[in-house]
Amino acid sequence: MKIYSITKLNGDSITLSSEMKQLLGISDGSYLLIEVDRHEQDIVISKIAPKGAKLVEMNIVVKNIPGTNAKIDLVLGENLINILFGEGEAIDEETYVSVKMLDIKDSKLSLSDIENKLYKTGVVKKVELTHLV
């Protein structure tokens, strides 16, 4: 059974009730993923990371061949980078695009070091890493 809560928008802020925070397992400082469907006028809020995470958005364009995502994920895992969320799609027979939300708090690598390691896999065409709040 779903639980509902009516919340009033205050400027640019949405305030969640204590009950909603408890149900989502979040506290002040947690990171939330907000997905909006413009056509359905629907919004979904999901917990993505606890307080203390060091979030980076990765936008990547890779070769659309078997094993590509495994190579990317192996580089991230070997360098203590946690994948919190990801989605992607093939845009043609040769190219796949993906966006992943990463937590790099345990990694010793800089963003440029991560980019270099990803390019060395031989499957990356383009990668952009952006620090988030």
C-alpha atoms as a PDB file:
ATOM      1  CA  MET A   1       0.000   0.000   0.000  1.00  0.00           C
ATOM      2  CA  LYS A   2       1.272   3.436  -0.890  1.00  0.00           C
ATOM      3  CA  ILE A   3       1.400   6.198   1.686  1.00  0.00           C
ATOM      4  CA  TYR A   4       0.430   9.693   0.595  1.00  0.00           C
ATOM      5  CA  SER A   5       1.287  13.107   1.920  1.00  0.00           C
ATOM      6  CA  ILE A   6       0.110  16.511   0.719  1.00  0.00           C
ATOM      7  CA  THR A   7       2.952  19.014   0.677  1.00  0.00           C
ATOM      8  CA  LYS A   8       2.826  22.726  -0.090  1.00  0.00           C
ATOM      9  CA  LEU A   9       5.522  24.227  -2.283  1.00  0.00           C
ATOM     10  CA  ASN A  10       7.327  27.116  -0.528  1.00  0.00           C
ATOM     11  CA  GLY A  11       9.253  29.123  -3.107  1.00  0.00           C
ATOM     12  CA  ASP A  12      11.840  26.710  -4.483  1.00  0.00           C
ATOM     13  CA  SER A  13      11.561  24.295  -1.542  1.00  0.00           C
ATOM     14  CA  ILE A  14       9.513  21.200  -0.826  1.00  0.00           C
ATOM     15  CA  THR A  15       9.250  20.207   2.826  1.00  0.00           C
ATOM     16  CA  LEU A  16       8.825  16.509   3.574  1.00  0.00           C
ATOM     17  CA  SER A  17       7.001  15.446   6.701  1.00  0.00           C
ATOM     18  CA  SER A  18       8.857  13.540   9.407  1.00  0.00           C
ATOM     19  CA  GLU A  19       6.824  10.461   8.478  1.00  0.00           C
ATOM     20  CA  MET A  20       7.945  10.672   4.819  1.00  0.00           C
ATOM     21  CA  LYS A  21      11.598  11.149   5.837  1.00  0.00           C
ATOM     22  CA  GLN A  22      11.375   8.122   8.094  1.00  0.00           C
ATOM     23  CA  LEU A  23       9.736   5.978   5.410  1.00  0.00           C
ATOM     24  CA  LEU A  24      12.440   6.940   2.872  1.00  0.00           C
ATOM     25  CA  GLY A  25      15.201   6.446   5.449  1.00  0.00           C
ATOM     26  CA  ILE A  26      16.515   9.967   4.953  1.00  0.00           C
ATOM     27  CA  SER A  27      17.670  12.757   7.223  1.00  0.00           C
ATOM     28  CA  ASP A  28      18.910  16.305   6.746  1.00  0.00           C
ATOM     29  CA  GLY A  29      21.858  16.228   4.371  1.00  0.00           C
ATOM     30  CA  SER A  30      20.670  13.155   2.431  1.00  0.00           C
ATOM     31  CA  TYR A  31      20.617  13.351  -1.360  1.00  0.00           C
ATOM     32  CA  LEU A  32      17.403  12.745  -3.277  1.00  0.00           C
ATOM     33  CA  LEU A  33      16.805  11.937  -6.923  1.00  0.00           C
ATOM     34  CA  ILE A  34      13.778  13.732  -8.327  1.00  0.00           C
ATOM     35  CA  GLU A  35      12.384  12.387 -11.601  1.00  0.00           C
ATOM     36  CA  VAL A  36       9.743  14.399 -13.440  1.00  0.00           C
ATOM     37  CA  ASP A  37       7.504  13.235 -16.275  1.00  0.00           C
ATOM     38  CA  ARG A  38       6.341  16.387 -18.070  1.00  0.00           C
ATOM     39  CA  HIS A  39       3.670  14.587 -20.057  1.00  0.00           C
ATOM     40  CA  GLU A  40       2.086  12.833 -17.086  1.00  0.00           C
ATOM     41  CA  GLN A  41       2.826  15.780 -14.760  1.00  0.00           C
ATOM     42  CA  ASP A  42       4.172  13.267 -12.301  1.00  0.00           C
ATOM     43  CA  ILE A  43       7.134  13.400  -9.934  1.00  0.00           C
ATOM     44  CA  VAL A  44       8.996  10.591  -8.166  1.00  0.00           C
ATOM     45  CA  ILE A  45      11.388  11.273  -5.279  1.00  0.00           C
ATOM     46  CA  SER A  46      13.911   8.578  -4.345  1.00  0.00           C
ATOM     47  CA  LYS A  47      16.732   8.432  -1.841  1.00  0.00           C
ATOM     48  CA  ILE A  48      19.989   8.301  -3.770  1.00  0.00           C
ATOM     49  CA  ALA A  49      22.756   8.851  -1.208  1.00  0.00           C
ATOM     50  CA  PRO A  50      23.241   9.440   2.484  1.00  0.00           C
ATOM     51  CA  LYS A  51      24.700  12.558   4.037  1.00  0.00           C
ATOM     52  CA  GLY A  52      28.457  12.713   3.433  1.00  0.00           C
ATOM     53  CA  ALA A  53      28.417  11.350  -0.108  1.00  0.00           C
ATOM     54  CA  LYS A  54      30.620  13.111  -2.659  1.00  0.00           C
ATOM     55  CA  LEU A  55      28.396  13.103  -5.727  1.00  0.00           C
ATOM     56  CA  VAL A  56      29.607  13.218  -9.302  1.00  0.00           C
ATOM     57  CA  GLU A  57      27.461  13.003 -12.422  1.00  0.00           C
ATOM     58  CA  MET A  58      29.064  11.001 -15.231  1.00  0.00           C
ATOM     59  CA  ASN A  59      27.845  11.534 -18.794  1.00  0.00           C
ATOM     60  CA  ILE A  60      29.540   9.057 -21.073  1.00  0.00           C
ATOM     61  CA  VAL A  61      29.429   8.115 -24.741  1.00  0.00           C
ATOM     62  CA  VAL A  62      30.827   4.665 -25.479  1.00  0.00           C
ATOM     63  CA  LYS A  63      31.094   2.059 -28.195  1.00  0.00           C
ATOM     64  CA  ASN A  64      27.949  -0.055 -28.425  1.00  0.00           C
ATOM     65  CA  ILE A  65      29.649  -3.452 -28.127  1.00  0.00           C
ATOM     66  CA  PRO A  66      29.292  -6.329 -25.657  1.00  0.00           C
ATOM     67  CA  GLY A  67      31.228  -5.809 -22.423  1.00  0.00           C
ATOM     68  CA  THR A  68      31.437  -2.012 -22.617  1.00  0.00           C
ATOM     69  CA  ASN A  69      29.458  -1.340 -19.439  1.00  0.00           C
ATOM     70  CA  ALA A  70      31.369  -4.088 -17.632  1.00  0.00           C
ATOM     71  CA  LYS A  71      34.690  -2.393 -18.480  1.00  0.00           C
ATOM     72  CA  ILE A  72      33.420   0.995 -17.269  1.00  0.00           C
ATOM     73  CA  ASP A  73      31.949  -0.427 -14.065  1.00  0.00           C
ATOM     74  CA  LEU A  74      35.153  -2.397 -13.351  1.00  0.00           C
ATOM     75  CA  VAL A  75      37.256   0.776 -13.537  1.00  0.00           C
ATOM     76  CA  LEU A  76      34.867   2.511 -11.158  1.00  0.00           C
ATOM     77  CA  GLY A  77      34.731  -0.409  -8.726  1.00  0.00           C
ATOM     78  CA  GLU A  78      38.498  -0.931  -8.675  1.00  0.00           C
ATOM     79  CA  ASN A  79      38.867   2.716  -7.673  1.00  0.00           C
ATOM     80  CA  LEU A  80      36.282   2.594  -4.867  1.00  0.00           C
ATOM     81  CA  ILE A  81      33.700   4.586  -6.797  1.00  0.00           C
ATOM     82  CA  ASN A  82      30.126   3.614  -5.993  1.00  0.00           C
ATOM     83  CA  ILE A  83      27.457   3.741  -8.728  1.00  0.00           C
ATOM     84  CA  LEU A  84      24.282   5.085  -7.121  1.00  0.00           C
ATOM     85  CA  PHE A  85      22.085   5.373 -10.194  1.00  0.00           C
ATOM     86  CA  GLY A  86      22.461   4.835 -13.902  1.00  0.00           C
ATOM     87  CA  GLU A  87      20.546   4.707 -17.124  1.00  0.00           C
ATOM     88  CA  GLY A  88      21.450   4.651 -20.773  1.00  0.00           C
ATOM     89  CA  GLU A  89      20.410   3.790 -24.270  1.00  0.00           C
ATOM     90  CA  ALA A  90      21.799   2.908 -27.653  1.00  0.00           C
ATOM     91  CA  ILE A  91      21.532   5.874 -29.993  1.00  0.00           C
ATOM     92  CA  ASP A  92      22.637   3.891 -33.044  1.00  0.00           C
ATOM     93  CA  GLU A  93      24.372   0.597 -33.863  1.00  0.00           C
ATOM     94  CA  GLU A  94      27.787   1.950 -32.865  1.00  0.00           C
ATOM     95  CA  THR A  95      27.092   4.324 -29.969  1.00  0.00           C
ATOM     96  CA  TYR A  96      25.635   4.009 -26.475  1.00  0.00           C
ATOM     97  CA  VAL A  97      25.083   6.954 -24.103  1.00  0.00           C
ATOM     98  CA  SER A  98      24.772   6.712 -20.364  1.00  0.00           C
ATOM     99  CA  VAL A  99      24.414   8.903 -17.313  1.00  0.00           C
ATOM    100  CA  LYS A 100      25.480   7.601 -13.916  1.00  0.00           C
ATOM    101  CA  MET A 101      25.415   9.171 -10.486  1.00  0.00           C
ATOM    102  CA  LEU A 102      28.600   8.303  -8.618  1.00  0.00           C
ATOM    103  CA  ASP A 103      29.801   8.606  -5.038  1.00  0.00           C
ATOM    104  CA  ILE A 104      33.567   9.174  -5.081  1.00  0.00           C
ATOM    105  CA  LYS A 105      34.063   9.823  -1.342  1.00  0.00           C
ATOM    106  CA  ASP A 106      36.211   6.684  -0.886  1.00  0.00           C
ATOM    107  CA  SER A 107      38.282   7.131  -4.053  1.00  0.00           C
ATOM    108  CA  LYS A 108      41.723   8.707  -4.051  1.00  0.00           C
ATOM    109  CA  LEU A 109      41.437   9.742  -7.713  1.00  0.00           C
ATOM    110  CA  SER A 110      40.777  13.219  -9.107  1.00  0.00           C
ATOM    111  CA  LEU A 111      38.111  13.653 -11.765  1.00  0.00           C
ATOM    112  CA  SER A 112      40.784  13.920 -14.472  1.00  0.00           C
ATOM    113  CA  ASP A 113      42.408  10.687 -13.199  1.00  0.00           C
ATOM    114  CA  ILE A 114      39.029   8.941 -13.421  1.00  0.00           C
ATOM    115  CA  GLU A 115      38.485  10.259 -16.950  1.00  0.00           C
ATOM    116  CA  ASN A 116      41.948   9.052 -18.032  1.00  0.00           C
ATOM    117  CA  LYS A 117      41.331   5.562 -16.641  1.00  0.00           C
ATOM    118  CA  LEU A 118      37.982   5.396 -18.436  1.00  0.00           C
ATOM    119  CA  TYR A 119      39.523   6.443 -21.775  1.00  0.00           C
ATOM    120  CA  LYS A 120      42.198   3.745 -21.333  1.00  0.00           C
ATOM    121  CA  THR A 121      39.489   1.062 -21.514  1.00  0.00           C
ATOM    122  CA  GLY A 122      39.372   1.663 -25.265  1.00  0.00           C
ATOM    123  CA  VAL A 123      35.568   1.825 -25.341  1.00  0.00           C
ATOM    124  CA  VAL A 124      34.995   5.461 -24.322  1.00  0.00           C
ATOM    125  CA  LYS A 125      34.332   8.066 -27.003  1.00  0.00           C
ATOM    126  CA  LYS A 126      33.566  10.953 -24.621  1.00  0.00           C
ATOM    127  CA  VAL A 127      33.197  11.359 -20.867  1.00  0.00           C
ATOM    128  CA  GLU A 128      32.212  14.325 -18.704  1.00  0.00           C
ATOM    129  CA  LEU A 129      32.393  14.229 -14.918  1.00  0.00           C
ATOM    130  CA  THR A 130      30.697  16.993 -12.931  1.00  0.00           C
ATOM    131  CA  HIS A 131      30.810  17.528  -9.149  1.00  0.00           C
ATOM    132  CA  LEU A 132      27.331  18.044  -7.699  1.00  0.00           C
ATOM    133  CA  VAL A 133      26.264  19.828  -4.541  1.00  0.00           C
END
